C-alpha atoms as a PDB file:
ATOM      1  CA  UNK A   1       0.006  -0.129  -0.331  1.00  0.00           C
ATOM      2  CA  UNK A   2       2.761   2.277   0.293  1.00  0.00           C
ATOM      3  CA  UNK A   3       6.448   1.167  -0.349  1.00  0.00           C
ATOM      4  CA  UNK A   4       9.396   1.538  -1.884  1.00  0.00           C
ATOM      5  CA  UNK A   5       8.171  -0.216  -5.117  1.00  0.00           C
ATOM      6  CA  UNK A   6       5.635   2.422  -5.976  1.00  0.00           C
ATOM      7  CA  UNK A   7       6.903   5.448  -8.779  1.00  0.00           C
ATOM      8  CA  UNK A   8       7.212   8.640  -7.615  1.00  0.00           C
ATOM      9  CA  UNK A   9       5.750  11.665 -10.313  1.00  0.00           C
ATOM     10  CA  UNK A  10       9.399  12.526 -12.026  1.00  0.00           C
ATOM     11  CA  UNK A  11       9.624   9.010 -12.915  1.00  0.00           C
ATOM     12  CA  UNK A  12       6.031   8.023 -13.763  1.00  0.00           C
ATOM     13  CA  UNK A  13       4.361  11.074 -14.788  1.00  0.00           C
ATOM     14  CA  UNK A  14       1.347   9.178 -15.499  1.00  0.00           C
ATOM     15  CA  UNK A  15       0.681   8.351 -12.123  1.00  0.00           C
ATOM     16  CA  UNK A  16      -0.037  12.157 -11.622  1.00  0.00           C
ATOM     17  CA  UNK A  17      -1.618  13.150 -14.673  1.00  0.00           C
ATOM     18  CA  UNK A  18      -4.194  10.256 -13.696  1.00  0.00           C
ATOM     19  CA  UNK A  19      -5.228  12.843 -11.030  1.00  0.00           C
ATOM     20  CA  UNK A  20      -5.991  15.382 -13.013  1.00  0.00           C
ATOM     21  CA  UNK A  21      -8.216  13.132 -15.386  1.00  0.00           C
ATOM     22  CA  UNK A  22     -10.229  11.820 -12.567  1.00  0.00           C
ATOM     23  CA  UNK A  23     -11.477  15.233 -12.106  1.00  0.00           C
ATOM     24  CA  UNK A  24     -11.922  15.375 -15.827  1.00  0.00           C
ATOM     25  CA  UNK A  25     -14.073  12.819 -15.880  1.00  0.00           C
ATOM     26  CA  UNK A  26     -16.217  14.045 -13.696  1.00  0.00           C
ATOM     27  CA  UNK A  27     -17.177  16.376 -16.335  1.00  0.00           C
ATOM     28  CA  UNK A  28     -17.620  20.312 -16.706  1.00  0.00           C
ATOM     29  CA  UNK A  29     -20.680  20.338 -14.501  1.00  0.00           C
ATOM     30  CA  UNK A  30     -18.467  18.762 -11.224  1.00  0.00           C
ATOM     31  CA  UNK A  31     -18.119  21.616  -9.025  1.00  0.00           C
ATOM     32  CA  UNK A  32     -16.087  20.869  -5.931  1.00  0.00           C
ATOM     33  CA  UNK A  33     -16.811  23.572  -3.794  1.00  0.00           C
ATOM     34  CA  UNK A  34     -20.141  23.210  -4.373  1.00  0.00           C
ATOM     35  CA  UNK A  35     -19.965  19.386  -3.239  1.00  0.00           C
ATOM     36  CA  UNK A  36     -17.555  20.392  -0.723  1.00  0.00           C
ATOM     37  CA  UNK A  37     -20.569  22.954   0.771  1.00  0.00           C
ATOM     38  CA  UNK A  38     -22.811  20.303   0.453  1.00  0.00           C
ATOM     39  CA  UNK A  39     -20.584  17.449   2.784  1.00  0.00           C
ATOM     40  CA  UNK A  40     -20.319  20.142   5.124  1.00  0.00           C
ATOM     41  CA  UNK A  41     -24.136  20.827   5.455  1.00  0.00           C
ATOM     42  CA  UNK A  42     -25.094  17.427   5.614  1.00  0.00           C
ATOM     43  CA  UNK A  43     -22.130  16.746   8.333  1.00  0.00           C
ATOM     44  CA  UNK A  44     -23.760  19.187  10.439  1.00  0.00           C
ATOM     45  CA  UNK A  45     -26.969  18.044  10.110  1.00  0.00           C
ATOM     46  CA  UNK A  46     -26.111  14.749  11.243  1.00  0.00           C
ATOM     47  CA  UNK A  47     -24.033  15.708  13.814  1.00  0.00           C
ATOM     48  CA  UNK A  48     -26.980  17.964  15.280  1.00  0.00           C
ATOM     49  CA  UNK A  49     -29.284  15.272  15.256  1.00  0.00           C
ATOM     50  CA  UNK A  50     -26.766  12.689  17.135  1.00  0.00           C
ATOM     51  CA  UNK A  51     -25.681  15.068  19.421  1.00  0.00           C
ATOM     52  CA  UNK A  52     -29.614  15.564  20.661  1.00  0.00           C
ATOM     53  CA  UNK A  53     -29.307  11.933  21.742  1.00  0.00           C
ATOM     54  CA  UNK A  54     -26.349  12.935  24.178  1.00  0.00           C
ATOM     55  CA  UNK A  55     -26.981  13.188  27.743  1.00  0.00           C
ATOM     56  CA  UNK A  56     -27.051  17.084  28.497  1.00  0.00           C
ATOM     57  CA  UNK A  57     -24.238  16.927  30.891  1.00  0.00           C
ATOM     58  CA  UNK A  58     -21.800  15.170  28.137  1.00  0.00           C
ATOM     59  CA  UNK A  59     -22.929  17.384  25.474  1.00  0.00           C
ATOM     60  CA  UNK A  60     -19.410  19.448  25.453  1.00  0.00           C
ATOM     61  CA  UNK A  61     -17.113  16.961  25.627  1.00  0.00           C
ATOM     62  CA  UNK A  62     -18.780  15.035  23.001  1.00  0.00           C
ATOM     63  CA  UNK A  63     -18.261  18.017  20.589  1.00  0.00           C
ATOM     64  CA  UNK A  64     -14.583  18.340  21.429  1.00  0.00           C
ATOM     65  CA  UNK A  65     -14.305  14.536  20.893  1.00  0.00           C
ATOM     66  CA  UNK A  66     -15.880  14.727  17.645  1.00  0.00           C
ATOM     67  CA  UNK A  67     -13.586  17.974  16.984  1.00  0.00           C
ATOM     68  CA  UNK A  68     -10.459  16.137  17.860  1.00  0.00           C
ATOM     69  CA  UNK A  69     -11.388  13.234  15.423  1.00  0.00           C
ATOM     70  CA  UNK A  70     -11.948  15.344  12.547  1.00  0.00           C
ATOM     71  CA  UNK A  71      -8.502  17.012  13.122  1.00  0.00           C
ATOM     72  CA  UNK A  72      -7.009  13.937  13.442  1.00  0.00           C
ATOM     73  CA  UNK A  73      -8.153  12.416  10.179  1.00  0.00           C
ATOM     74  CA  UNK A  74      -7.039  15.495   8.276  1.00  0.00           C
ATOM     75  CA  UNK A  75      -3.603  15.311  10.087  1.00  0.00           C
ATOM     76  CA  UNK A  76      -3.158  11.406   9.282  1.00  0.00           C
ATOM     77  CA  UNK A  77      -4.149  12.297   5.248  1.00  0.00           C
ATOM     78  CA  UNK A  78      -1.997  15.455   4.944  1.00  0.00           C
ATOM     79  CA  UNK A  79       1.082  13.745   7.357  1.00  0.00           C
ATOM     80  CA  UNK A  80       1.287  10.693   4.872  1.00  0.00           C
ATOM     81  CA  UNK A  81       1.219  12.401   1.828  1.00  0.00           C
ATOM     82  CA  UNK A  82       3.949  15.056   2.922  1.00  0.00           C
ATOM     83  CA  UNK A  83       6.198  12.979   4.905  1.00  0.00           C
ATOM     84  CA  UNK A  84       5.649   9.049   4.432  1.00  0.00           C
ATOM     85  CA  UNK A  85       4.791   9.063   0.660  1.00  0.00           C
ATOM     86  CA  UNK A  86       7.256  11.973   0.185  1.00  0.00           C
ATOM     87  CA  UNK A  87      10.116   9.814   2.320  1.00  0.00           C
ATOM     88  CA  UNK A  88       9.688   7.395  -0.190  1.00  0.00           C
ATOM     89  CA  UNK A  89       9.742   9.171  -3.470  1.00  0.00           C
ATOM     90  CA  UNK A  90      13.257  10.254  -2.095  1.00  0.00           C
ATOM     91  CA  UNK A  91      14.683   7.458  -0.765  1.00  0.00           C
ATOM     92  CA  UNK A  92      13.526   5.129  -4.234  1.00  0.00           C
ATOM     93  CA  UNK A  93      14.819   8.234  -6.157  1.00  0.00           C
ATOM     94  CA  UNK A  94      17.941   8.024  -4.581  1.00  0.00           C
ATOM     95  CA  UNK A  95      18.070   4.057  -5.087  1.00  0.00           C
ATOM     96  CA  UNK A  96      17.568   4.143  -8.316  1.00  0.00           C
ATOM     97  CA  UNK A  97      20.551   6.627  -8.971  1.00  0.00           C
ATOM     98  CA  UNK A  98      22.663   3.778  -7.236  1.00  0.00           C
ATOM     99  CA  UNK A  99      20.964   1.383  -9.197  1.00  0.00           C
ATOM    100  CA  UNK A 100      21.831   3.228 -12.574  1.00  0.00           C
ATOM    101  CA  UNK A 101      25.654   3.189 -11.802  1.00  0.00           C
ATOM    102  CA  UNK A 102      25.933  -0.426 -10.898  1.00  0.00           C
ATOM    103  CA  UNK A 103      24.060  -1.228 -14.102  1.00  0.00           C
ATOM    104  CA  UNK A 104      26.757   1.021 -15.949  1.00  0.00           C
ATOM    105  CA  UNK A 105      29.189  -1.535 -14.028  1.00  0.00           C
ATOM    106  CA  UNK A 106      27.405  -4.694 -15.004  1.00  0.00           C
ATOM    107  CA  UNK A 107      27.134  -5.060 -11.608  1.00  0.00           C
ATOM    108  CA  UNK A 108      23.320  -5.553 -11.790  1.00  0.00           C
ATOM    109  CA  UNK A 109      21.024  -5.798 -14.993  1.00  0.00           C
ATOM    110  CA  UNK A 110      18.214  -3.357 -14.114  1.00  0.00           C
ATOM    111  CA  UNK A 111      18.389   0.125 -12.023  1.00  0.00           C
ATOM    112  CA  UNK A 112      15.238  -1.455  -9.632  1.00  0.00           C
ATOM    113  CA  UNK A 113      17.251  -4.374  -8.432  1.00  0.00           C
ATOM    114  CA  UNK A 114      18.659  -1.921  -5.738  1.00  0.00           C
ATOM    115  CA  UNK A 115      15.550  -2.442  -3.970  1.00  0.00           C
ATOM    116  CA  UNK A 116      16.453  -6.448  -3.936  1.00  0.00           C
ATOM    117  CA  UNK A 117      19.801  -5.773  -2.142  1.00  0.00           C
ATOM    118  CA  UNK A 118      20.240  -4.933   1.539  1.00  0.00           C
ATOM    119  CA  UNK A 119      22.667  -1.880   2.324  1.00  0.00           C
ATOM    120  CA  UNK A 120      25.560  -4.177   3.813  1.00  0.00           C
ATOM    121  CA  UNK A 121      25.548  -5.812   0.051  1.00  0.00           C
ATOM    122  CA  UNK A 122      25.315  -2.225  -1.762  1.00  0.00           C
ATOM    123  CA  UNK A 123      28.118  -0.870   0.524  1.00  0.00           C
ATOM    124  CA  UNK A 124      30.576  -3.489  -0.427  1.00  0.00           C
ATOM    125  CA  UNK A 125      30.402  -3.109  -4.240  1.00  0.00           C
ATOM    126  CA  UNK A 126      29.878   0.457  -4.627  1.00  0.00           C
ATOM    127  CA  UNK A 127      33.232   2.233  -4.403  1.00  0.00           C
ATOM    128  CA  UNK A 128      34.538  -0.470  -7.444  1.00  0.00           C
ATOM    129  CA  UNK A 129      31.013  -2.012  -9.039  1.00  0.00           C
ATOM    130  CA  UNK A 130      32.857  -3.187 -11.789  1.00  0.00           C
ATOM    131  CA  UNK A 131      34.678  -5.983  -9.850  1.00  0.00           C
ATOM    132  CA  UNK A 132      31.470  -7.145  -8.231  1.00  0.00           C
ATOM    133  CA  UNK A 133      28.460  -9.214 -10.129  1.00  0.00           C
ATOM    134  CA  UNK A 134      25.263  -9.348  -8.040  1.00  0.00           C
ATOM    135  CA  UNK A 135      23.115 -10.869 -10.313  1.00  0.00           C
ATOM    136  CA  UNK A 136      23.113 -14.092  -8.710  1.00  0.00           C
ATOM    137  CA  UNK A 137      21.326 -12.620  -5.747  1.00  0.00           C
ATOM    138  CA  UNK A 138      19.467  -9.766  -7.297  1.00  0.00           C
ATOM    139  CA  UNK A 139      17.468 -11.922  -9.885  1.00  0.00           C
ATOM    140  CA  UNK A 140      16.746 -14.626  -7.518  1.00  0.00           C
ATOM    141  CA  UNK A 141      15.186 -12.220  -5.256  1.00  0.00           C
ATOM    142  CA  UNK A 142      13.174 -11.033  -7.881  1.00  0.00           C
ATOM    143  CA  UNK A 143      12.050 -14.027  -8.719  1.00  0.00           C
ATOM    144  CA  UNK A 144      10.951 -15.339  -5.573  1.00  0.00           C
ATOM    145  CA  UNK A 145       9.287 -11.737  -5.078  1.00  0.00           C
ATOM    146  CA  UNK A 146       7.131 -12.333  -8.637  1.00  0.00           C
ATOM    147  CA  UNK A 147       5.952 -15.322  -7.275  1.00  0.00           C
ATOM    148  CA  UNK A 148       4.740 -14.340  -4.178  1.00  0.00           C
ATOM    149  CA  UNK A 149       3.462 -11.159  -4.820  1.00  0.00           C
ATOM    150  CA  UNK A 150       0.019 -12.692  -5.786  1.00  0.00           C
ATOM    151  CA  UNK A 151      -0.373 -15.280  -3.787  1.00  0.00           C
ATOM    152  CA  UNK A 152      -1.875 -15.579  -0.523  1.00  0.00           C
ATOM    153  CA  UNK A 153      -0.134 -14.930   2.111  1.00  0.00           C
ATOM    154  CA  UNK A 154      -0.474 -14.444   6.566  1.00  0.00           C
ATOM    155  CA  UNK A 155      -1.279 -10.959   7.788  1.00  0.00           C
ATOM    156  CA  UNK A 156       1.316 -11.767  10.424  1.00  0.00           C
ATOM    157  CA  UNK A 157       3.969 -13.991  10.932  1.00  0.00           C
ATOM    158  CA  UNK A 158       3.769 -15.742  14.446  1.00  0.00           C
ATOM    159  CA  UNK A 159       3.898 -19.306  16.279  1.00  0.00           C
ATOM    160  CA  UNK A 160       0.270 -19.078  16.890  1.00  0.00           C
ATOM    161  CA  UNK A 161      -1.641 -21.701  15.253  1.00  0.00           C
ATOM    162  CA  UNK A 162      -3.733 -19.064  13.206  1.00  0.00           C
ATOM    163  CA  UNK A 163      -4.258 -15.230  12.111  1.00  0.00           C
ATOM    164  CA  UNK A 164      -7.340 -15.496  14.571  1.00  0.00           C
ATOM    165  CA  UNK A 165      -5.222 -16.686  17.676  1.00  0.00           C
ATOM    166  CA  UNK A 166      -2.731 -14.294  17.521  1.00  0.00           C
ATOM    167  CA  UNK A 167      -5.233 -11.532  17.421  1.00  0.00           C
ATOM    168  CA  UNK A 168      -6.766 -12.652  20.269  1.00  0.00           C
ATOM    169  CA  UNK A 169      -3.673 -13.355  22.442  1.00  0.00           C
ATOM    170  CA  UNK A 170      -0.829 -10.995  21.178  1.00  0.00           C
ATOM    171  CA  UNK A 171      -3.074  -7.958  19.384  1.00  0.00           C
ATOM    172  CA  UNK A 172      -5.851  -7.704  21.312  1.00  0.00           C
ATOM    173  CA  UNK A 173      -4.769  -7.603  25.034  1.00  0.00           C
ATOM    174  CA  UNK A 174      -1.861  -5.103  24.030  1.00  0.00           C
ATOM    175  CA  UNK A 175      -5.225  -2.767  23.777  1.00  0.00           C
ATOM    176  CA  UNK A 176      -3.274  -0.587  21.220  1.00  0.00           C
ATOM    177  CA  UNK A 177      -5.940   1.408  19.349  1.00  0.00           C
ATOM    178  CA  UNK A 178      -4.232   2.002  16.266  1.00  0.00           C
ATOM    179  CA  UNK A 179      -3.246  -1.756  15.765  1.00  0.00           C
ATOM    180  CA  UNK A 180      -6.769  -2.842  16.512  1.00  0.00           C
ATOM    181  CA  UNK A 181      -8.716  -0.369  14.297  1.00  0.00           C
ATOM    182  CA  UNK A 182      -6.446   0.822  11.845  1.00  0.00           C
ATOM    183  CA  UNK A 183      -4.091  -2.149  11.416  1.00  0.00           C
ATOM    184  CA  UNK A 184      -5.972  -5.278  12.359  1.00  0.00           C
ATOM    185  CA  UNK A 185      -9.456  -4.352  12.419  1.00  0.00           C
ATOM    186  CA  UNK A 186     -12.444  -6.540  12.933  1.00  0.00           C
ATOM    187  CA  UNK A 187     -12.643 -10.024  11.184  1.00  0.00           C
ATOM    188  CA  UNK A 188     -15.388 -10.613   8.962  1.00  0.00           C
ATOM    189  CA  UNK A 189     -18.257 -12.498   9.852  1.00  0.00           C
ATOM    190  CA  UNK A 190     -19.604 -14.944   7.311  1.00  0.00           C
ATOM    191  CA  UNK A 191     -23.913 -14.682   7.339  1.00  0.00           C
ATOM    192  CA  UNK A 192     -24.890 -18.088   5.637  1.00  0.00           C
ATOM    193  CA  UNK A 193     -28.339 -16.125   5.208  1.00  0.00           C
ATOM    194  CA  UNK A 194     -26.717 -13.719   2.949  1.00  0.00           C
ATOM    195  CA  UNK A 195     -25.096 -16.738   0.477  1.00  0.00           C
ATOM    196  CA  UNK A 196     -22.339 -14.222  -0.419  1.00  0.00           C
ATOM    197  CA  UNK A 197     -18.854 -15.029  -2.017  1.00  0.00           C
ATOM    198  CA  UNK A 198     -16.613 -13.219  -0.353  1.00  0.00           C
ATOM    199  CA  UNK A 199     -17.098 -11.265   3.169  1.00  0.00           C
ATOM    200  CA  UNK A 200     -15.527  -8.376   4.758  1.00  0.00           C
ATOM    201  CA  UNK A 201     -16.265  -5.685   6.915  1.00  0.00           C
ATOM    202  CA  UNK A 202     -18.231  -2.641   6.440  1.00  0.00           C
ATOM    203  CA  UNK A 203     -15.764   0.441   6.120  1.00  0.00           C
ATOM    204  CA  UNK A 204     -18.759   2.372   4.100  1.00  0.00           C
ATOM    205  CA  UNK A 205     -22.398   1.641   3.977  1.00  0.00           C
ATOM    206  CA  UNK A 206     -23.832   1.298   0.744  1.00  0.00           C
ATOM    207  CA  UNK A 207     -24.267  -1.040  -2.170  1.00  0.00           C
ATOM    208  CA  UNK A 208     -23.182  -1.152  -5.977  1.00  0.00           C
ATOM    209  CA  UNK A 209     -22.875  -3.371  -8.638  1.00  0.00           C
ATOM    210  CA  UNK A 210     -20.504  -3.118 -12.074  1.00  0.00           C
ATOM    211  CA  UNK A 211     -17.197  -4.345 -13.673  1.00  0.00           C
ATOM    212  CA  UNK A 212     -14.502  -4.867 -11.260  1.00  0.00           C
ATOM    213  CA  UNK A 213     -10.579  -3.195 -11.718  1.00  0.00           C
ATOM    214  CA  UNK A 214      -7.436  -5.169  -9.403  1.00  0.00           C
ATOM    215  CA  UNK A 215      -5.092  -2.788  -8.718  1.00  0.00           C
ATOM    216  CA  UNK A 216      -2.425  -3.961  -6.645  1.00  0.00           C
ATOM    217  CA  UNK A 217       0.014  -0.577  -7.371  1.00  0.00           C
ATOM    218  CA  UNK A 218      -0.322   2.857  -7.270  1.00  0.00           C
ATOM    219  CA  UNK A 219       1.282   3.232 -10.675  1.00  0.00           C
ATOM    220  CA  UNK A 220      -1.813   1.134 -12.118  1.00  0.00           C
ATOM    221  CA  UNK A 221      -4.712   3.719 -11.143  1.00  0.00           C
ATOM    222  CA  UNK A 222      -4.184   5.040 -14.273  1.00  0.00           C
ATOM    223  CA  UNK A 223      -6.036   2.499 -15.935  1.00  0.00           C
ATOM    224  CA  UNK A 224      -9.293   2.810 -13.376  1.00  0.00           C
ATOM    225  CA  UNK A 225     -12.034   3.709 -15.411  1.00  0.00           C
ATOM    226  CA  UNK A 226     -15.045   5.775 -14.115  1.00  0.00           C
ATOM    227  CA  UNK A 227     -18.044   3.339 -12.836  1.00  0.00           C
ATOM    228  CA  UNK A 228     -15.949   0.401 -11.816  1.00  0.00           C
ATOM    229  CA  UNK A 229     -15.595  -1.019  -8.679  1.00  0.00           C
ATOM    230  CA  UNK A 230     -11.934  -0.796  -7.257  1.00  0.00           C
ATOM    231  CA  UNK A 231     -10.487  -3.880  -6.132  1.00  0.00           C
ATOM    232  CA  UNK A 232      -7.044  -3.763  -4.174  1.00  0.00           C
ATOM    233  CA  UNK A 233      -5.010  -4.379  -0.857  1.00  0.00           C
ATOM    234  CA  UNK A 234      -5.655  -1.318   0.437  1.00  0.00           C
ATOM    235  CA  UNK A 235      -5.252   2.518  -0.428  1.00  0.00           C
ATOM    236  CA  UNK A 236      -2.820   5.437   1.069  1.00  0.00           C
ATOM    237  CA  UNK A 237      -3.448   9.166   0.615  1.00  0.00           C
ATOM    238  CA  UNK A 238      -2.067   9.130  -2.585  1.00  0.00           C
ATOM    239  CA  UNK A 239      -4.825   6.794  -3.936  1.00  0.00           C
ATOM    240  CA  UNK A 240      -7.599   9.093  -2.609  1.00  0.00           C
ATOM    241  CA  UNK A 241      -8.886  11.000  -6.043  1.00  0.00           C
ATOM    242  CA  UNK A 242      -9.554   7.613  -7.616  1.00  0.00           C
ATOM    243  CA  UNK A 243     -12.436   7.449  -4.954  1.00  0.00           C
ATOM    244  CA  UNK A 244     -14.383  10.293  -6.894  1.00  0.00           C
ATOM    245  CA  UNK A 245     -14.780   8.208 -10.162  1.00  0.00           C
ATOM    246  CA  UNK A 246     -15.039   4.262  -8.699  1.00  0.00           C
ATOM    247  CA  UNK A 247     -19.103   3.301  -7.693  1.00  0.00           C
ATOM    248  CA  UNK A 248     -17.293   0.822  -4.382  1.00  0.00           C
ATOM    249  CA  UNK A 249     -14.179   0.027  -3.495  1.00  0.00           C
ATOM    250  CA  UNK A 250     -13.265  -3.801  -1.910  1.00  0.00           C
ATOM    251  CA  UNK A 251      -9.976  -3.756   0.407  1.00  0.00           C
ATOM    252  CA  UNK A 252      -8.123  -6.387   1.386  1.00  0.00           C
ATOM    253  CA  UNK A 253      -7.451  -5.367   4.415  1.00  0.00           C
ATOM    254  CA  UNK A 254      -7.915  -2.660   7.088  1.00  0.00           C
ATOM    255  CA  UNK A 255      -9.903  -1.510  10.033  1.00  0.00           C
ATOM    256  CA  UNK A 256     -12.981   0.757   9.922  1.00  0.00           C
ATOM    257  CA  UNK A 257     -10.254   3.854  10.513  1.00  0.00           C
ATOM    258  CA  UNK A 258      -8.146   2.824   8.056  1.00  0.00           C
ATOM    259  CA  UNK A 259      -7.647   5.153   5.080  1.00  0.00           C
ATOM    260  CA  UNK A 260      -9.464   3.244   2.671  1.00  0.00           C
ATOM    261  CA  UNK A 261     -12.274   3.146   5.412  1.00  0.00           C
ATOM    262  CA  UNK A 262     -12.615   6.556   6.237  1.00  0.00           C
ATOM    263  CA  UNK A 263     -11.896   8.104   2.920  1.00  0.00           C
ATOM    264  CA  UNK A 264     -14.937   6.190   1.537  1.00  0.00           C
ATOM    265  CA  UNK A 265     -17.103   7.206   3.964  1.00  0.00           C
ATOM    266  CA  UNK A 266     -15.649  10.893   2.912  1.00  0.00           C
ATOM    267  CA  UNK A 267     -16.880  10.196  -0.421  1.00  0.00           C
ATOM    268  CA  UNK A 268     -19.796   8.391   0.390  1.00  0.00           C
ATOM    269  CA  UNK A 269     -18.493   5.684  -1.614  1.00  0.00           C
ATOM    270  CA  UNK A 270     -19.793   2.079  -0.762  1.00  0.00           C
ATOM    271  CA  UNK A 271     -16.518   0.287   0.614  1.00  0.00           C
ATOM    272  CA  UNK A 272     -16.000  -3.160   2.248  1.00  0.00           C
ATOM    273  CA  UNK A 273     -12.325  -3.655   4.236  1.00  0.00           C
ATOM    274  CA  UNK A 274     -10.699  -6.564   5.791  1.00  0.00           C
ATOM    275  CA  UNK A 275     -11.867  -9.329   2.937  1.00  0.00           C
ATOM    276  CA  UNK A 276      -8.501 -10.947   3.157  1.00  0.00           C
ATOM    277  CA  UNK A 277      -9.384 -12.728  -0.391  1.00  0.00           C
ATOM    278  CA  UNK A 278     -10.665  -9.884  -2.620  1.00  0.00           C
ATOM    279  CA  UNK A 279      -7.635  -9.468  -4.616  1.00  0.00           C
ATOM    280  CA  UNK A 280      -6.868 -13.271  -5.361  1.00  0.00           C
ATOM    281  CA  UNK A 281     -10.495 -14.186  -6.178  1.00  0.00           C
ATOM    282  CA  UNK A 282     -11.936 -11.168  -8.129  1.00  0.00           C
ATOM    283  CA  UNK A 283     -10.448 -10.594 -11.745  1.00  0.00           C
ATOM    284  CA  UNK A 284     -10.394  -7.159 -13.514  1.00  0.00           C
ATOM    285  CA  UNK A 285     -13.762  -7.042 -15.714  1.00  0.00           C
ATOM    286  CA  UNK A 286     -15.913  -9.243 -13.483  1.00  0.00           C
ATOM    287  CA  UNK A 287     -18.890  -8.277 -13.089  1.00  0.00           C
ATOM    288  CA  UNK A 288     -19.535  -7.932  -8.808  1.00  0.00           C
ATOM    289  CA  UNK A 289     -22.415  -6.856  -6.440  1.00  0.00           C
ATOM    290  CA  UNK A 290     -20.911  -5.132  -3.129  1.00  0.00           C
ATOM    291  CA  UNK A 291     -23.548  -4.807  -0.396  1.00  0.00           C
ATOM    292  CA  UNK A 292     -20.728  -2.556   1.794  1.00  0.00           C
ATOM    293  CA  UNK A 293     -23.609  -2.306   4.633  1.00  0.00           C
ATOM    294  CA  UNK A 294     -23.186  -6.328   5.327  1.00  0.00           C
ATOM    295  CA  UNK A 295     -19.873  -6.771   4.347  1.00  0.00           C
ATOM    296  CA  UNK A 296     -20.877  -9.079   1.442  1.00  0.00           C
ATOM    297  CA  UNK A 297     -19.339  -9.151  -1.615  1.00  0.00           C
ATOM    298  CA  UNK A 298     -21.086 -11.204  -4.520  1.00  0.00           C
ATOM    299  CA  UNK A 299     -19.382 -12.658  -8.150  1.00  0.00           C
ATOM    300  CA  UNK A 300     -21.712 -12.587 -11.024  1.00  0.00           C
ATOM    301  CA  UNK A 301     -19.385 -14.066 -13.790  1.00  0.00           C
END
């Protein structure tokens, strides 16, 4: 969702251009200021109705918590975009610069292969790369990565028998709110009466039906067409504009406070998180029906 394997804008301009295209595809009648005003009005109306149900002695405290929550969400979004993502872009640019030098010296085959080397290995060859060959290391690790990146893997490495046991014995007792609500999230519960093909957790309520678009990395977002249903491992702030054109979002991982869920609610897009197997079982072009309120996904063909 956010790593050095995602290209930065100077390296892959089409990714940034796709963000502009997202708004162009909205059409000339799309008025961001109007939409924002409508969302603010709806928020205030909903908040006022909710506060009416809060006991008088707790109203001010509740308002303060809501205000804090809004600011925390904004900080999380902006901080990720301008700190974490920016840092990854700078590091990747530096690593690829080293990679080009090693390719010129015949040490590796591709600049990106530096991402399959550890710091000690690079340090040993960087002063005189022409006297070293690291293809046998980089190529082996690249092949392993290509094989594993689409395989179903456990979300954590643990000596427990399964993820549920690890969550119950290790993660939940930690009482770490970030781990529980953002990283781990709730486990999907199967509801036999729904007869769904895949179950997840409601990130943002609603339902939608349409063609799926499986996206595994940020640089693939330019392939998403208006009205499709985004199926992905998860999202980060750089993915936010895509919520403006899709009908729904299905994410393998994430809790109700994950980026995917929060942005889904802000955009009013039906969103399911923590379905675990969406990218493995759904293929691009396949028609699916998403009942995000129930956390149910139906594969139609």
